[in-house]
Amino acid sequence: MLTTTRRGVLAGGAAMLAGLAAQRQAEAQGRRILVIASNQDIPNFDPHVASGYSASMALRNTYDSLVRVEGNPPKPVPHLAQSWTVSDDGQEYTFKLDPAAKFHDGAPVTAEAVKYSFDRLLRLNRGNAWMIAGVVDQNSVEAVDATTVRVKLVKPFVPFLSVLPWVWIVNPAQVEANKGEDDGQTFLRSNLAGSGAFKLRRAEAGNLYEFERVANAWKQGGGNLTGAIWKITRETATQRLMVQRGEAQIAVDLTSEDMDALKGRAGVNLVIEPEYRTFSMKMNTRHGPLQDANLRRAIACAFNYQGMLDVAGYAELMRGPFPETIDGFDKDLPIYRTDLARAKEFLAKSSTPNGGIKLTVAHVSGLEQQRRWALVLLDSLRALNIELDIKPMIWPDMVSAARSPETTPDIFMVYQTANYGDPDNLAYAGYHSSRNGGWQNPVYSNPAIDKLLDDARGETDPEKRRELYVQFQRTLMEDSPDIFGVLEKRKLAMRNNVKGFTFTPVASNAIELFPLSLG
């Protein structure tokens, strides 16, 4: 007969609890989850609609493109395409796909999927479509066979390979099955149809987005991460403390003061590197008082540039829309600097010669640097008898506000980080009228600017191309649609147990998870 005593039950229970604890500890050690602290929510998962660094982070890890970008200086390297050839005239590219490539549902990534993705991007004409607009059309991409893609450009485009890392390939079967009446936009806003090394495990808007590595993903190698969490952390000081305490392994929005506070901290590495990253204050040229070019010029002359630089930290003042290190920069460009007498001359020529108006400036909520620059602007405008309403907004709301002139604030603060190291990136995205309704260029439209940028995209003669960009810069400066602010160095903080990270000066805050490990 079996007899069970109370002492035996307790001993057995204790042994069972100890066993469960050991099992959980083993599971925790087996899971390597990287936590990234970011201010910016992910507004959309549609790879042909979404843009911004948070969306780029999500898409580059859950979708694949024909080529990737890596290195410093950045260069395109094979990804879905194992290899490619280019015709002598530079207008025809033939890509050979990796036959191992497959989508998350197991379907192969075919040449037809590539064609479908290019065509959908052009149809929607949103997101990163501007990168290939006017260069590729609906007849350009041909599926030669299952693993061969031919792309015939409408006209020469020097940085074509450099833009391809941002043209994501979707699973046509999944999109077509959920196409609805909006070409699958409703479905892809919150669902994935990709082939990337990670998939989305959960999404909690305003809180966190969790990614997990795809089991038996087609791409082999990489780091040891089993997953990652994009943790929404509005305050930069909180991001700093999370890295300092080991609650996050990477922080991507830190101020210069945050970086200084982390210097010498045990277990923390700092990345402070130059990058094509501009910050400007875009003025609403199509609605409200700032339709008046003389008022815009007055504000550009009244602004306290030194005050902006004083609170910027690791940065330098912009001299127009381009970094000085980019090809085509005009070293003789006439620029605006603080000159109150000149500001008042422009104001006198404007529709509000005595000021007496109130403007609104929007900035990303929680970005301390932008808040400080808004205060510099507020103080600067007082000299023109102009009031300023400072409006913090979360990023998805700023993206929504940019969709029309009527909803765009008078002044719209925006960082623009180049996705490729060519002047076309900053110029076309920021100032071509085809970008109107997006956060990079909510409203600015100028036919002369459009023609210069269109011509420059297809000009293969380097000297002629540079001259077109010089004309662009001078025309833009005369029109004065922006307060050109600062060029900031990229600032990242990460725990020293993060392995495999290499800095590339394009979209470096859209962290690529595949090569990373936790030691």
Protein backbone atom coordinates (compact mmCIF):
# COMPACT_ATOMS: atom_id res chain seq x y z
CA MET A 1 0.00 0.00 0.00
CA LEU A 2 1.24 3.47 -0.95
CA THR A 3 1.32 5.98 1.91
CA THR A 4 1.79 9.74 1.27
CA THR A 5 2.86 11.97 4.16
CA ARG A 6 2.50 15.81 4.39
CA ARG A 7 6.28 16.12 4.56
CA GLY A 8 6.57 14.09 1.38
CA VAL A 9 4.07 16.29 -0.45
CA LEU A 10 5.94 19.44 0.59
CA ALA A 11 9.25 17.96 -0.44
CA GLY A 12 7.81 16.89 -3.77
CA GLY A 13 6.27 20.35 -4.32
CA ALA A 14 9.54 22.05 -3.53
CA ALA A 15 11.36 19.79 -5.96
CA MET A 16 8.79 20.52 -8.65
CA LEU A 17 9.06 24.31 -8.12
CA ALA A 18 12.83 24.08 -8.23
CA GLY A 19 12.56 22.14 -11.46
CA LEU A 20 10.22 24.72 -13.01
CA ALA A 21 12.52 27.56 -11.95
CA ALA A 22 15.49 25.81 -13.53
CA GLN A 23 13.46 25.26 -16.71
CA ARG A 24 12.46 28.95 -16.89
CA GLN A 25 16.06 30.01 -16.31
CA ALA A 26 17.23 27.71 -19.10
CA GLU A 27 14.54 29.11 -21.42
CA ALA A 28 15.53 32.69 -20.53
CA GLN A 29 19.15 31.92 -21.27
CA GLY A 30 18.13 30.36 -24.58
CA ARG A 31 16.19 33.49 -25.61
CA ARG A 32 18.35 36.48 -26.50
CA ILE A 33 16.08 39.51 -26.76
CA LEU A 34 17.59 42.86 -27.73
CA VAL A 35 15.70 45.89 -26.37
CA ILE A 36 15.93 49.13 -28.37
CA ALA A 37 14.63 52.30 -26.72
CA SER A 38 13.12 54.70 -29.26
CA ASN A 39 10.94 57.77 -29.17
CA GLN A 40 9.16 56.95 -32.41
CA ASP A 41 6.14 54.71 -32.85
CA ILE A 42 5.81 52.57 -35.99
CA PRO A 43 2.89 54.14 -37.87
CA ASN A 44 2.44 51.52 -40.60
CA PHE A 45 3.84 48.14 -41.71
CA ASP A 46 2.98 48.45 -45.40
CA PRO A 47 6.40 48.33 -47.11
CA HIS A 48 5.15 50.44 -50.02
CA VAL A 49 3.54 53.12 -47.86
CA ALA A 50 5.47 53.49 -44.60
CA SER A 51 8.53 55.70 -44.18
CA GLY A 52 10.55 57.22 -41.36
CA TYR A 53 13.26 55.58 -39.29
CA SER A 54 10.98 53.48 -37.08
CA ALA A 55 9.18 52.06 -40.11
CA SER A 56 12.53 51.49 -41.83
CA MET A 57 13.73 49.52 -38.81
CA ALA A 58 10.65 47.29 -38.92
CA LEU A 59 10.73 46.79 -42.69
CA ARG A 60 14.45 46.10 -43.10
CA ASN A 61 14.12 43.27 -40.57
CA THR A 62 10.85 41.71 -41.74
CA TYR A 63 11.16 42.21 -45.50
CA ASP A 64 14.01 41.78 -47.98
CA SER A 65 15.21 43.82 -50.94
CA LEU A 66 17.28 42.95 -53.98
CA VAL A 67 20.40 44.41 -52.38
CA ARG A 68 21.45 45.54 -48.90
CA VAL A 69 23.54 48.50 -47.84
CA GLU A 70 26.61 48.20 -45.64
CA GLY A 71 29.99 49.77 -44.99
CA ASN A 72 31.35 53.27 -44.51
CA PRO A 73 31.15 54.75 -47.10
CA PRO A 74 27.93 52.82 -47.78
CA LYS A 75 27.71 50.48 -50.74
CA PRO A 76 25.12 48.03 -52.12
CA VAL A 77 25.84 44.33 -51.54
CA PRO A 78 23.94 41.16 -52.60
CA HIS A 79 20.77 40.17 -50.76
CA LEU A 80 17.78 38.62 -52.58
CA ALA A 81 19.87 39.15 -55.70
CA GLN A 82 23.02 37.03 -55.64
CA SER A 83 24.51 38.95 -58.53
CA TRP A 84 23.67 41.46 -61.25
CA THR A 85 24.95 42.90 -64.50
CA VAL A 86 24.54 46.41 -65.93
CA SER A 87 24.37 47.36 -69.60
CA ASP A 88 26.98 49.69 -71.07
CA ASP A 89 24.53 52.60 -71.20
CA GLY A 90 23.59 52.10 -67.53
CA GLN A 91 19.88 51.70 -68.27
CA GLU A 92 19.38 47.94 -68.03
CA TYR A 93 20.01 45.83 -64.93
CA THR A 94 19.71 42.04 -64.79
CA PHE A 95 19.46 40.43 -61.35
CA LYS A 96 19.89 36.74 -60.50
CA LEU A 97 17.85 35.85 -57.41
CA ASP A 98 19.03 33.52 -54.67
CA PRO A 99 17.04 30.29 -55.27
CA ALA A 100 16.98 29.67 -51.51
CA ALA A 101 14.98 32.83 -50.81
CA LYS A 102 11.49 32.20 -49.46
CA PHE A 103 8.69 34.14 -47.84
CA HIS A 104 7.54 33.51 -44.29
CA ASP A 105 4.79 31.19 -45.54
CA GLY A 106 7.36 29.05 -47.37
CA ALA A 107 6.61 30.29 -50.90
CA PRO A 108 9.70 31.06 -53.01
CA VAL A 109 10.72 34.66 -53.69
CA THR A 110 10.42 34.76 -57.47
CA ALA A 111 11.06 37.24 -60.24
CA GLU A 112 7.27 37.67 -60.49
CA ALA A 113 7.21 38.74 -56.83
CA VAL A 114 9.87 41.35 -57.58
CA LYS A 115 7.88 42.67 -60.54
CA TYR A 116 4.67 42.70 -58.48
CA SER A 117 6.38 44.69 -55.72
CA PHE A 118 7.85 47.34 -58.03
CA ASP A 119 4.52 47.71 -59.80
CA ARG A 120 2.58 48.04 -56.54
CA LEU A 121 5.01 50.64 -55.19
CA LEU A 122 4.59 52.70 -58.36
CA ARG A 123 0.79 52.29 -58.32
CA LEU A 124 0.46 53.53 -54.76
CA ASN A 125 3.07 56.27 -55.27
CA ARG A 126 3.68 56.55 -51.54
CA GLY A 127 6.42 55.61 -49.11
CA ASN A 128 9.72 55.12 -50.96
CA ALA A 129 8.16 55.39 -54.43
CA TRP A 130 9.89 58.74 -54.89
CA MET A 131 13.24 56.92 -55.07
CA ILE A 132 12.32 55.33 -58.40
CA ALA A 133 9.63 57.72 -59.64
CA GLY A 134 10.28 58.76 -63.24
CA VAL A 135 13.15 56.26 -63.43
CA VAL A 136 11.12 53.03 -63.48
CA ASP A 137 7.58 52.66 -64.83
CA GLN A 138 4.99 49.86 -65.03
CA ASN A 139 6.72 48.40 -68.09
CA SER A 140 10.27 48.49 -66.71
CA VAL A 141 10.45 45.27 -64.67
CA GLU A 142 10.39 41.93 -66.45
CA ALA A 143 10.42 38.41 -64.98
CA VAL A 144 12.71 36.65 -67.46
CA ASP A 145 12.38 33.36 -65.59
CA ALA A 146 11.70 32.31 -62.01
CA THR A 147 15.01 33.67 -60.70
CA THR A 148 15.97 36.31 -63.28
CA VAL A 149 14.71 39.90 -63.17
CA ARG A 150 15.44 42.51 -65.83
CA VAL A 151 14.88 46.21 -65.08
CA LYS A 152 14.96 48.71 -67.93
CA LEU A 153 15.20 52.27 -66.69
CA VAL A 154 13.13 54.94 -68.41
CA LYS A 155 16.19 57.17 -68.26
CA PRO A 156 19.65 56.95 -66.69
CA PHE A 157 19.69 57.24 -62.90
CA VAL A 158 23.13 57.25 -61.31
CA PRO A 159 22.21 56.00 -57.80
CA PHE A 160 19.80 53.23 -58.92
CA LEU A 161 21.58 50.41 -57.06
CA SER A 162 21.85 52.60 -53.96
CA VAL A 163 18.06 53.04 -53.69
CA LEU A 164 17.24 49.35 -54.07
CA PRO A 165 17.82 48.48 -50.37
CA TRP A 166 14.64 50.46 -49.66
CA VAL A 167 12.41 48.79 -52.27
CA TRP A 168 10.87 45.89 -50.35
CA ILE A 169 9.62 42.69 -51.97
CA VAL A 170 6.19 41.42 -50.88
CA ASN A 171 4.49 38.05 -51.22
CA PRO A 172 1.98 38.56 -54.08
CA ALA A 173 -0.25 35.66 -53.03
CA GLN A 174 -0.79 37.10 -49.55
CA VAL A 175 -1.47 40.61 -50.81
CA GLU A 176 -3.83 39.48 -53.55
CA ALA A 177 -5.77 37.30 -51.10
CA ASN A 178 -6.31 40.40 -48.95
CA LYS A 179 -6.38 43.04 -51.67
CA GLY A 180 -9.75 44.56 -50.79
CA GLU A 181 -10.48 47.90 -52.44
CA ASP A 182 -7.20 49.58 -51.53
CA ASP A 183 -4.56 47.31 -53.10
CA GLY A 184 -3.94 45.51 -49.83
CA GLN A 185 -3.15 48.62 -47.81
CA THR A 186 -5.56 47.79 -45.00
CA PHE A 187 -4.12 44.30 -44.70
CA LEU A 188 -0.46 45.32 -44.82
CA ARG A 189 -0.91 48.16 -42.38
CA SER A 190 -0.86 45.59 -39.58
CA ASN A 191 0.17 42.30 -41.26
CA LEU A 192 3.41 41.14 -42.84
CA ALA A 193 3.95 39.47 -46.21
CA GLY A 194 7.72 39.38 -46.21
CA SER A 195 10.75 37.14 -46.29
CA GLY A 196 12.97 38.83 -43.70
CA ALA A 197 14.89 37.13 -40.92
CA PHE A 198 12.36 38.36 -38.32
CA LYS A 199 8.59 38.49 -38.01
CA LEU A 200 6.28 40.50 -35.79
CA ARG A 201 5.23 38.74 -32.61
CA ARG A 202 3.14 41.54 -31.08
CA ALA A 203 2.40 45.21 -31.65
CA GLU A 204 1.21 47.55 -28.91
CA ALA A 205 0.97 51.07 -30.32
CA GLY A 206 2.56 53.62 -28.02
CA ASN A 207 4.23 50.89 -25.95
CA LEU A 208 6.30 48.28 -27.80
CA TYR A 209 6.77 46.16 -30.89
CA GLU A 210 8.26 42.69 -30.45
CA PHE A 211 10.06 40.87 -33.25
CA GLU A 212 11.11 37.23 -33.24
CA ARG A 213 13.52 35.38 -35.48
CA VAL A 214 11.88 33.30 -38.19
CA ALA A 215 12.46 29.58 -37.69
CA ASN A 216 14.37 28.08 -40.63
CA ALA A 217 14.72 31.45 -42.34
CA TRP A 218 16.21 31.30 -45.83
CA LYS A 219 19.15 33.51 -44.98
CA GLN A 220 21.73 31.65 -42.92
CA GLY A 221 24.28 33.03 -40.47
CA GLY A 222 23.98 36.32 -38.67
CA GLY A 223 23.97 36.87 -34.93
CA ASN A 224 22.39 34.94 -32.09
CA LEU A 225 19.33 37.12 -31.40
CA THR A 226 16.11 35.22 -30.98
CA GLY A 227 14.11 38.43 -30.92
CA ALA A 228 14.03 42.15 -30.30
CA ILE A 229 11.75 44.72 -28.69
CA TRP A 230 11.32 48.24 -30.08
CA LYS A 231 10.33 49.97 -26.86
CA ILE A 232 8.59 53.33 -27.16
CA THR A 233 10.28 55.64 -24.67
CA ARG A 234 9.28 59.28 -25.14
CA GLU A 235 11.85 60.95 -22.90
CA THR A 236 15.50 60.77 -23.92
CA ALA A 237 16.62 60.86 -20.28
CA THR A 238 14.62 57.68 -19.69
CA GLN A 239 16.25 56.05 -22.71
CA ARG A 240 19.65 56.94 -21.23
CA LEU A 241 18.78 55.45 -17.86
CA MET A 242 17.48 52.26 -19.47
CA VAL A 243 20.81 51.70 -21.20
CA GLN A 244 22.72 52.71 -18.10
CA ARG A 245 20.83 50.14 -16.02
CA GLY A 246 20.88 47.44 -18.68
CA GLU A 247 17.09 47.53 -19.21
CA ALA A 248 17.72 48.35 -22.89
CA GLN A 249 20.72 47.43 -24.97
CA ILE A 250 20.47 50.30 -27.48
CA ALA A 251 19.06 53.85 -27.33
CA VAL A 252 18.62 55.78 -30.58
CA ASP A 253 17.32 59.27 -29.69
CA LEU A 254 19.77 60.59 -27.12
CA THR A 255 20.76 64.24 -26.77
CA SER A 256 24.35 65.40 -26.54
CA GLU A 257 23.88 65.84 -22.79
CA ASP A 258 22.67 62.24 -22.51
CA MET A 259 25.74 61.04 -24.37
CA ASP A 260 28.04 63.10 -22.15
CA ALA A 261 26.36 61.66 -19.05
CA LEU A 262 27.07 58.13 -20.33
CA LYS A 263 30.74 58.72 -21.05
CA GLY A 264 32.89 56.42 -18.94
CA ARG A 265 29.93 54.40 -17.67
CA ALA A 266 30.80 50.77 -17.14
CA GLY A 267 29.24 48.45 -19.70
CA VAL A 268 28.21 51.21 -22.13
CA ASN A 269 29.65 51.96 -25.59
CA LEU A 270 28.92 55.22 -27.43
CA VAL A 271 28.65 55.76 -31.18
CA ILE A 272 29.11 59.39 -32.30
CA GLU A 273 29.62 59.48 -36.06
CA PRO A 274 29.04 61.91 -38.94
CA GLU A 275 26.05 61.06 -41.08
CA TYR A 276 23.98 62.69 -43.81
CA ARG A 277 21.38 63.79 -41.28
CA THR A 278 19.79 67.21 -41.67
CA PHE A 279 17.41 69.08 -39.40
CA SER A 280 15.22 71.84 -40.78
CA MET A 281 12.07 73.73 -39.93
CA LYS A 282 9.76 73.49 -42.92
CA MET A 283 7.36 76.37 -43.43
CA ASN A 284 3.84 75.94 -44.77
CA THR A 285 4.16 77.61 -48.17
CA ARG A 286 0.60 76.75 -49.28
CA HIS A 287 -1.65 77.63 -46.36
CA GLY A 288 -1.64 80.44 -43.82
CA PRO A 289 0.68 83.45 -43.39
CA LEU A 290 3.83 81.68 -44.57
CA GLN A 291 2.59 81.54 -48.14
CA ASP A 292 4.26 84.98 -48.24
CA ALA A 293 7.89 84.49 -49.34
CA ASN A 294 8.99 87.77 -47.77
CA LEU A 295 7.63 86.68 -44.40
CA ARG A 296 9.55 83.40 -44.75
CA ARG A 297 12.72 85.35 -45.56
CA ALA A 298 12.14 87.63 -42.59
CA ILE A 299 11.90 84.63 -40.26
CA ALA A 300 15.01 83.07 -41.80
CA CYS A 301 16.94 86.29 -41.05
CA ALA A 302 15.50 86.72 -37.54
CA PHE A 303 16.29 83.19 -36.39
CA ASN A 304 19.05 82.81 -33.79
CA TYR A 305 21.32 80.29 -35.50
CA GLN A 306 24.02 80.52 -32.85
CA GLY A 307 21.40 79.87 -30.19
CA MET A 308 20.37 76.73 -32.07
CA LEU A 309 23.97 75.58 -32.31
CA ASP A 310 24.59 76.27 -28.62
CA VAL A 311 21.99 73.68 -27.60
CA ALA A 312 22.74 71.25 -30.44
CA GLY A 313 25.84 69.59 -29.02
CA TYR A 314 27.53 67.35 -31.60
CA ALA A 315 26.48 69.35 -34.66
CA GLU A 316 27.31 72.13 -37.10
CA LEU A 317 25.11 74.69 -38.83
CA MET A 318 23.72 73.85 -42.24
CA ARG A 319 24.65 75.98 -45.23
CA GLY A 320 21.57 75.27 -47.30
CA PRO A 321 19.82 71.94 -47.91
CA PHE A 322 22.99 69.83 -48.39
CA PRO A 323 25.81 68.69 -46.12
CA GLU A 324 29.10 70.22 -47.22
CA THR A 325 30.57 66.76 -47.85
CA ILE A 326 27.98 65.69 -50.43
CA ASP A 327 28.68 65.87 -54.15
CA GLY A 328 27.14 68.99 -55.67
CA PHE A 329 27.32 71.18 -52.54
CA ASP A 330 27.58 74.86 -53.50
CA LYS A 331 30.39 76.33 -51.38
CA ASP A 332 29.47 79.85 -52.60
CA LEU A 333 25.76 79.57 -51.79
CA PRO A 334 24.32 82.79 -50.29
CA ILE A 335 22.79 81.77 -46.95
CA TYR A 336 20.68 83.34 -44.23
CA ARG A 337 22.17 84.17 -40.87
CA THR A 338 20.84 86.25 -37.99
CA ASP A 339 20.39 89.83 -39.24
CA LEU A 340 17.50 91.68 -37.58
CA ALA A 341 17.80 94.77 -39.79
CA ARG A 342 17.47 92.63 -42.91
CA ALA A 343 14.67 90.62 -41.29
CA LYS A 344 12.66 93.78 -40.70
CA GLU A 345 13.21 94.88 -44.32
CA PHE A 346 11.70 91.64 -45.54
CA LEU A 347 8.89 91.90 -42.97
CA ALA A 348 8.04 95.40 -44.22
CA LYS A 349 7.57 93.98 -47.74
CA SER A 350 5.30 91.18 -46.49
CA SER A 351 1.53 91.01 -46.08
CA THR A 352 2.03 91.45 -42.31
CA PRO A 353 4.53 94.36 -42.19
CA ASN A 354 4.08 94.89 -38.45
CA GLY A 355 3.93 91.28 -37.38
CA GLY A 356 1.04 90.87 -34.99
CA ILE A 357 0.35 87.28 -36.01
CA LYS A 358 0.54 83.92 -34.27
CA LEU A 359 2.21 80.87 -35.81
CA THR A 360 2.24 77.23 -34.75
CA VAL A 361 5.31 75.02 -34.70
CA ALA A 362 5.04 71.23 -34.30
CA HIS A 363 7.78 69.00 -32.98
CA VAL A 364 8.05 65.36 -31.95
CA SER A 365 6.84 64.93 -28.39
CA GLY A 366 9.65 63.88 -26.06
CA LEU A 367 12.51 64.93 -28.32
CA GLU A 368 14.18 67.40 -25.99
CA GLN A 369 16.45 68.82 -28.69
CA GLN A 370 13.48 69.80 -30.84
CA ARG A 371 11.69 71.35 -27.86
CA ARG A 372 14.74 73.53 -27.17
CA TRP A 373 14.97 74.61 -30.78
CA ALA A 374 11.29 75.56 -30.69
CA LEU A 375 12.10 77.82 -27.74
CA VAL A 376 14.95 79.40 -29.72
CA LEU A 377 12.47 80.06 -32.53
CA LEU A 378 9.90 81.50 -30.11
CA ASP A 379 12.47 83.96 -28.76
CA SER A 380 13.68 84.86 -32.28
CA LEU A 381 10.17 85.66 -33.53
CA ARG A 382 9.51 88.12 -30.73
CA ALA A 383 11.82 90.57 -32.52
CA LEU A 384 9.29 90.54 -35.40
CA ASN A 385 6.26 90.86 -33.10
CA ILE A 386 5.21 87.32 -33.97
CA GLU A 387 3.85 84.90 -31.37
CA LEU A 388 4.58 81.18 -31.50
CA ASP A 389 2.45 78.30 -30.27
CA ILE A 390 4.67 75.27 -29.59
CA LYS A 391 2.81 72.03 -30.21
CA PRO A 392 4.39 68.66 -29.24
CA MET A 393 2.96 65.77 -31.28
CA ILE A 394 3.58 62.04 -31.37
CA TRP A 395 5.13 60.89 -34.65
CA PRO A 396 2.07 59.16 -36.21
CA ASP A 397 0.07 62.35 -35.64
CA MET A 398 2.79 64.44 -37.31
CA VAL A 399 2.76 62.07 -40.29
CA SER A 400 -1.03 62.46 -40.50
CA ALA A 401 -0.85 66.25 -40.20
CA ALA A 402 1.53 66.43 -43.16
CA ARG A 403 -1.04 65.02 -45.56
CA SER A 404 -2.59 68.35 -46.56
CA PRO A 405 -1.71 72.07 -46.47
CA GLU A 406 -4.72 72.72 -44.24
CA THR A 407 -3.58 70.29 -41.53
CA THR A 408 0.15 70.98 -41.76
CA PRO A 409 1.31 73.35 -39.00
CA ASP A 410 2.82 76.70 -40.00
CA ILE A 411 6.25 75.33 -39.13
CA PHE A 412 7.03 71.60 -39.19
CA MET A 413 10.25 70.37 -37.56
CA VAL A 414 11.84 67.38 -39.23
CA TYR A 415 15.03 65.35 -39.31
CA GLN A 416 15.88 63.79 -42.64
CA THR A 417 18.43 60.99 -42.68
CA ALA A 418 19.74 60.00 -46.10
CA ASN A 419 19.05 56.43 -47.20
CA TYR A 420 21.78 56.71 -49.81
CA GLY A 421 24.80 58.98 -50.20
CA ASP A 422 23.69 60.95 -53.25
CA PRO A 423 22.32 64.53 -53.41
CA ASP A 424 19.16 63.15 -55.02
CA ASN A 425 18.18 61.61 -51.68
CA LEU A 426 17.91 64.82 -49.68
CA ALA A 427 16.87 67.02 -52.60
CA TYR A 428 14.12 64.93 -54.21
CA ALA A 429 12.58 63.68 -50.98
CA GLY A 430 12.62 67.08 -49.33
CA TYR A 431 11.64 69.44 -52.16
CA HIS A 432 10.07 67.73 -55.19
CA SER A 433 6.32 68.40 -55.37
CA SER A 434 5.59 64.70 -55.94
CA ARG A 435 6.43 64.23 -52.27
CA ASN A 436 3.67 66.59 -51.09
CA GLY A 437 1.52 65.01 -48.40
CA GLY A 438 4.44 63.16 -46.83
CA TRP A 439 6.45 64.17 -43.80
CA GLN A 440 9.62 64.85 -45.80
CA ASN A 441 7.89 67.52 -47.89
CA PRO A 442 4.35 68.20 -46.71
CA VAL A 443 3.55 71.16 -48.98
CA TYR A 444 6.45 72.75 -50.87
CA SER A 445 5.91 72.92 -54.64
CA ASN A 446 7.93 74.88 -57.20
CA PRO A 447 7.92 73.93 -60.91
CA ALA A 448 11.45 75.30 -61.39
CA ILE A 449 12.74 73.12 -58.54
CA ASP A 450 10.90 70.07 -59.92
CA LYS A 451 12.52 70.47 -63.34
CA LEU A 452 16.03 70.87 -61.90
CA LEU A 453 15.62 67.75 -59.77
CA ASP A 454 14.11 65.69 -62.58
CA ASP A 455 16.93 66.70 -64.92
CA ALA A 456 19.59 65.95 -62.29
CA ARG A 457 18.25 62.44 -61.70
CA GLY A 458 18.94 61.46 -65.30
CA GLU A 459 22.13 63.47 -65.96
CA THR A 460 25.09 61.12 -66.30
CA ASP A 461 27.71 63.84 -66.91
CA PRO A 462 29.10 64.54 -63.39
CA GLU A 463 29.89 68.21 -64.04
CA LYS A 464 26.50 68.95 -65.61
CA ARG A 465 24.81 67.13 -62.73
CA ARG A 466 26.70 69.22 -60.16
CA GLU A 467 25.68 72.41 -61.94
CA LEU A 468 22.02 71.39 -61.83
CA TYR A 469 22.30 70.89 -58.07
CA VAL A 470 24.00 74.28 -57.68
CA GLN A 471 21.05 75.88 -59.49
CA PHE A 472 18.67 73.91 -57.28
CA GLN A 473 20.32 75.19 -54.09
CA ARG A 474 20.28 78.81 -55.25
CA THR A 475 16.66 78.70 -56.40
CA LEU A 476 15.62 77.07 -53.15
CA MET A 477 17.49 79.56 -50.97
CA GLU A 478 15.84 82.46 -52.76
CA ASP A 479 12.40 80.90 -52.19
CA SER A 480 13.25 80.19 -48.53
CA PRO A 481 10.79 77.38 -47.71
CA ASP A 482 12.83 76.16 -44.73
CA ILE A 483 14.87 77.40 -41.84
CA PHE A 484 17.99 75.35 -42.52
CA GLY A 485 19.16 74.18 -39.12
CA VAL A 486 21.93 71.81 -38.17
CA LEU A 487 23.77 68.72 -39.32
CA GLU A 488 23.90 66.44 -36.32
CA LYS A 489 26.23 63.57 -35.78
CA ARG A 490 24.50 60.26 -35.20
CA LYS A 491 24.40 59.45 -31.50
CA LEU A 492 23.76 55.87 -30.35
CA ALA A 493 24.36 54.31 -26.96
CA MET A 494 24.58 50.57 -26.51
CA ARG A 495 25.54 48.03 -23.91
CA ASN A 496 28.92 46.42 -24.46
CA ASN A 497 27.33 42.97 -24.70
CA VAL A 498 25.91 43.94 -28.11
CA LYS A 499 28.14 42.29 -30.70
CA GLY A 500 28.23 42.53 -34.49
CA PHE A 501 27.22 46.19 -34.86
CA THR A 502 29.01 48.16 -37.55
CA PHE A 503 28.21 51.79 -38.30
CA THR A 504 26.92 52.69 -41.76
CA PRO A 505 26.16 56.40 -42.29
CA VAL A 506 22.69 55.89 -43.77
CA ALA A 507 19.61 55.07 -41.67
CA SER A 508 21.86 53.96 -38.82
CA ASN A 509 19.09 54.41 -36.24
CA ALA A 510 16.91 51.91 -38.15
CA ILE A 511 18.83 49.11 -36.45
CA GLU A 512 19.42 45.98 -38.53
CA LEU A 513 18.94 42.97 -36.25
CA PHE A 514 20.30 40.12 -38.38
CA PRO A 515 24.05 40.60 -37.70
CA LEU A 516 23.65 41.35 -33.98
CA SER A 517 24.37 39.09 -31.02
CA LEU A 518 24.07 39.43 -27.28
CA GLY A 519 27.18 38.22 -25.47
